[in-house]
């Protein structure tokens, strides 16, 4: 029997009896039967309706993004080796001792010697000291004027480079006579040390075999 063919009389009796007890025990089924008896159509008998749903379409927008490109710059860094102050001072004493016997000359008691003997030794020390200064230091005058010239020091002059002597009163500007041009070091070229502790030895002891 197909789904559209009505059941026979006997079948309807069986359905009625079964439905009677089913309606008594199932309230939801009783409600459905009530709606059917009131003329409400079955879901299978209702013609399907076309439902149109508008679905938003995502819009693709092309965006241009500029990404900065890192520029690689090569930079040359000058490596400067800072020598501790005490080590540099010991280096200088060592150089003066090696070239001019400076420490030997200062440590010597010159009282027993004549002026001529001291003068002869001083020439050797002077030549050696001058050599050390010329090789390892660049020295220039503090003031460019000649000694004995009249100069004027303006307000705010470098008091560390110029020392006032004589009768100093009032405030700058000061006008006076240049008694000494002064000296300043513009460059230092001391040898690099592999062992800073070795700089404490100004002169090695000598042992003759």
Protein backbone atom coordinates (compact mmCIF):
# COMPACT_ATOMS: atom_id res chain seq x y z
CA UNK A 1 0.00 0.00 0.00
CA UNK A 2 1.40 3.36 -1.03
CA UNK A 3 1.47 6.45 1.24
CA UNK A 4 -1.42 8.06 -0.78
CA UNK A 5 -3.81 5.02 -0.66
CA UNK A 6 -6.35 5.19 2.25
CA UNK A 7 -6.21 2.19 4.66
CA UNK A 8 -9.01 -0.46 4.61
CA UNK A 9 -11.85 -0.54 7.08
CA UNK A 10 -10.24 -3.21 9.23
CA UNK A 11 -6.99 -1.34 9.21
CA UNK A 12 -8.75 1.82 10.30
CA UNK A 13 -10.33 -0.10 13.21
CA UNK A 14 -6.87 -1.27 14.31
CA UNK A 15 -5.51 2.27 13.95
CA UNK A 16 -8.41 3.76 15.93
CA UNK A 17 -7.97 1.32 18.81
CA UNK A 18 -4.19 1.86 18.89
CA UNK A 19 -4.61 5.66 18.62
CA UNK A 20 -7.14 5.67 21.46
CA UNK A 21 -4.68 4.28 23.95
CA UNK A 22 -1.81 6.30 22.50
CA UNK A 23 -3.77 9.58 22.86
CA UNK A 24 -4.59 8.72 26.48
CA UNK A 25 -0.90 8.26 27.33
CA UNK A 26 0.70 11.04 25.18
CA UNK A 27 -0.48 14.60 25.62
CA UNK A 28 1.59 15.91 22.70
CA UNK A 29 0.01 13.32 20.36
CA UNK A 30 -3.44 14.37 21.60
CA UNK A 31 -2.62 18.00 20.77
CA UNK A 32 -1.49 17.03 17.26
CA UNK A 33 -4.72 15.06 16.68
CA UNK A 34 -6.74 18.07 17.88
CA UNK A 35 -5.02 20.31 15.33
CA UNK A 36 -5.71 17.79 12.57
CA UNK A 37 -9.38 17.55 13.51
CA UNK A 38 -9.54 21.34 13.44
CA UNK A 39 -8.47 21.27 9.80
CA UNK A 40 -4.76 22.17 10.12
CA UNK A 41 -2.81 20.78 7.19
CA UNK A 42 -0.03 18.27 7.63
CA UNK A 43 3.52 19.43 7.04
CA UNK A 44 3.80 16.96 4.16
CA UNK A 45 0.74 18.49 2.48
CA UNK A 46 2.03 22.09 2.64
CA UNK A 47 3.64 23.25 -0.58
CA UNK A 48 7.24 24.32 -0.10
CA UNK A 49 7.84 28.06 -0.13
CA UNK A 50 10.84 29.78 -1.64
CA UNK A 51 12.77 31.68 0.97
CA UNK A 52 15.30 34.19 -0.27
CA UNK A 53 18.09 35.13 2.09
CA UNK A 54 20.45 37.95 1.22
CA UNK A 55 23.99 37.02 2.10
CA UNK A 56 26.44 39.95 2.31
CA UNK A 57 29.33 39.54 -0.07
CA UNK A 58 32.74 40.48 1.30
CA UNK A 59 34.38 43.13 -0.81
CA UNK A 60 38.07 42.68 -1.41
CA UNK A 61 39.95 45.97 -1.46
CA UNK A 62 43.57 46.06 -2.57
CA UNK A 63 45.62 48.19 -0.20
CA UNK A 64 49.15 49.27 -1.05
CA UNK A 65 51.45 49.35 1.94
CA UNK A 66 54.90 50.91 1.69
CA UNK A 67 57.44 49.11 3.85
CA UNK A 68 60.58 51.10 4.65
CA UNK A 69 63.80 49.35 3.62
CA UNK A 70 66.57 49.51 6.15
CA UNK A 71 69.67 51.17 4.78
CA UNK A 72 72.93 49.55 5.76
CA UNK A 73 75.61 52.14 6.47
CA UNK A 74 79.20 51.13 6.98
CA UNK A 75 80.91 53.16 9.68
CA UNK A 76 84.55 53.03 10.59
CA UNK A 77 85.08 53.23 14.33
CA UNK A 78 88.45 54.37 15.61
CA UNK A 79 89.53 52.25 18.55
CA UNK A 80 91.40 54.26 21.14
CA UNK A 81 93.21 52.51 23.97
CA UNK A 82 92.99 54.50 27.18
CA UNK A 83 96.10 54.04 29.30
CA UNK A 84 95.66 54.61 33.07
CA UNK A 85 97.24 57.85 34.28
CA UNK A 86 99.73 56.22 36.62
CA UNK A 87 100.84 53.79 33.91
CA UNK A 88 101.37 56.64 31.42
CA UNK A 89 103.45 58.52 34.00
CA UNK A 90 105.56 55.43 34.58
CA UNK A 91 106.00 55.03 30.83
CA UNK A 92 107.28 58.58 30.54
CA UNK A 93 109.75 58.08 33.39
CA UNK A 94 110.94 54.87 31.76
CA UNK A 95 111.50 56.64 28.42
CA UNK A 96 113.41 59.49 30.11
CA UNK A 97 115.55 56.98 31.96
CA UNK A 98 116.32 54.97 28.82
CA UNK A 99 117.22 57.94 26.63
CA UNK A 100 118.59 60.45 29.16
CA UNK A 101 119.47 58.58 32.36
CA UNK A 102 117.03 61.00 33.95
CA UNK A 103 116.32 58.99 37.11
CA UNK A 104 120.04 58.31 37.60
CA UNK A 105 120.77 62.04 37.31
CA UNK A 106 118.03 63.13 39.74
CA UNK A 107 118.82 60.42 42.28
CA UNK A 108 122.52 61.28 42.27
CA UNK A 109 123.85 63.59 44.99
CA UNK A 110 125.59 66.27 42.91
CA UNK A 111 127.03 68.17 45.87
CA UNK A 112 130.53 66.56 45.57
CA UNK A 113 130.81 67.42 41.85
CA UNK A 114 132.02 70.65 40.30
CA UNK A 115 129.79 72.88 38.19
CA UNK A 116 131.71 71.79 35.09
CA UNK A 117 131.08 68.11 35.85
CA UNK A 118 127.39 68.75 36.53
CA UNK A 119 127.13 70.84 33.34
CA UNK A 120 128.65 68.04 31.23
CA UNK A 121 126.17 65.50 32.69
CA UNK A 122 123.30 67.96 32.20
CA UNK A 123 124.02 68.15 28.48
CA UNK A 124 123.55 64.39 28.15
CA UNK A 125 120.33 64.48 30.16
CA UNK A 126 119.05 67.47 28.17
CA UNK A 127 119.66 65.81 24.80
CA UNK A 128 117.92 62.60 25.88
CA UNK A 129 114.91 64.41 27.37
CA UNK A 130 114.55 66.53 24.24
CA UNK A 131 114.55 63.36 22.12
CA UNK A 132 111.78 61.77 24.22
CA UNK A 133 109.59 64.87 23.99
CA UNK A 134 110.11 65.16 20.23
CA UNK A 135 109.26 61.49 19.55
CA UNK A 136 106.25 61.02 21.83
CA UNK A 137 104.65 64.45 22.34
CA UNK A 138 103.49 67.27 20.08
CA UNK A 139 103.99 70.50 22.00
CA UNK A 140 102.77 73.96 20.99
CA UNK A 141 102.68 77.39 22.70
CA UNK A 142 99.52 78.34 24.59
CA UNK A 143 99.65 81.93 23.26
CA UNK A 144 100.72 82.72 19.66
CA UNK A 145 102.14 86.17 20.51
CA UNK A 146 105.84 86.75 21.14
CA UNK A 147 107.03 87.13 24.71
CA UNK A 148 107.06 90.77 25.81
CA UNK A 149 104.04 91.70 23.67
CA UNK A 150 101.05 93.54 25.14
CA UNK A 151 97.89 91.43 25.06
CA UNK A 152 94.31 91.80 26.27
CA UNK A 153 92.45 88.94 27.93
CA UNK A 154 88.67 89.23 27.40
CA UNK A 155 86.01 88.27 29.89
CA UNK A 156 85.66 84.50 30.16
CA UNK A 157 89.27 83.74 29.18
CA UNK A 158 90.61 80.25 29.97
CA UNK A 159 92.04 80.58 33.46
CA UNK A 160 93.49 77.07 33.23
CA UNK A 161 95.65 78.12 30.26
CA UNK A 162 96.62 81.65 31.36
CA UNK A 163 97.85 82.63 34.85
CA UNK A 164 97.70 86.25 35.93
CA UNK A 165 100.64 87.64 37.91
CA UNK A 166 101.43 91.02 39.41
CA UNK A 167 98.74 93.37 40.74
CA UNK A 168 95.46 91.68 39.82
CA UNK A 169 92.34 93.74 40.67
CA UNK A 170 88.89 94.13 39.18
CA UNK A 171 87.25 92.09 36.47
CA UNK A 172 88.27 91.14 32.91
CA UNK A 173 89.18 92.34 30.36
CA UNK A 174 92.79 92.53 31.53
CA UNK A 175 95.67 94.09 29.58
CA UNK A 176 99.25 93.15 30.38
CA UNK A 177 102.63 91.97 29.12
CA UNK A 178 103.12 88.36 28.01
CA UNK A 179 105.94 87.05 30.18
CA UNK A 180 105.78 83.43 28.98
CA UNK A 181 103.92 81.93 26.02
CA UNK A 182 103.15 78.72 27.92
CA UNK A 183 103.23 75.18 26.57
CA UNK A 184 100.45 72.73 25.80
CA UNK A 185 100.44 69.16 24.54
CA UNK A 186 98.30 68.66 21.42
CA UNK A 187 99.11 64.99 20.82
CA UNK A 188 100.54 62.07 22.81
CA UNK A 189 102.01 58.94 21.20
CA UNK A 190 103.20 56.62 23.93
CA UNK A 191 104.06 53.02 23.03
CA UNK A 192 101.35 50.41 23.62
CA UNK A 193 102.04 48.17 26.58
CA UNK A 194 101.41 44.43 26.59
CA UNK A 195 102.03 44.27 30.36
CA UNK A 196 101.11 47.44 32.30
CA UNK A 197 102.77 46.05 35.43
CA UNK A 198 106.12 46.04 33.62
CA UNK A 199 105.98 49.86 33.42
CA UNK A 200 106.84 49.99 37.13
CA UNK A 201 110.38 48.88 36.29
CA UNK A 202 111.96 52.15 35.12
CA UNK A 203 115.38 50.56 34.56
CA UNK A 204 116.35 46.93 34.79
CA UNK A 205 119.06 45.92 37.17
CA UNK A 206 122.22 44.92 35.31
CA UNK A 207 124.25 41.82 36.25
CA UNK A 208 127.57 41.33 34.52
CA UNK A 209 128.73 37.73 34.13
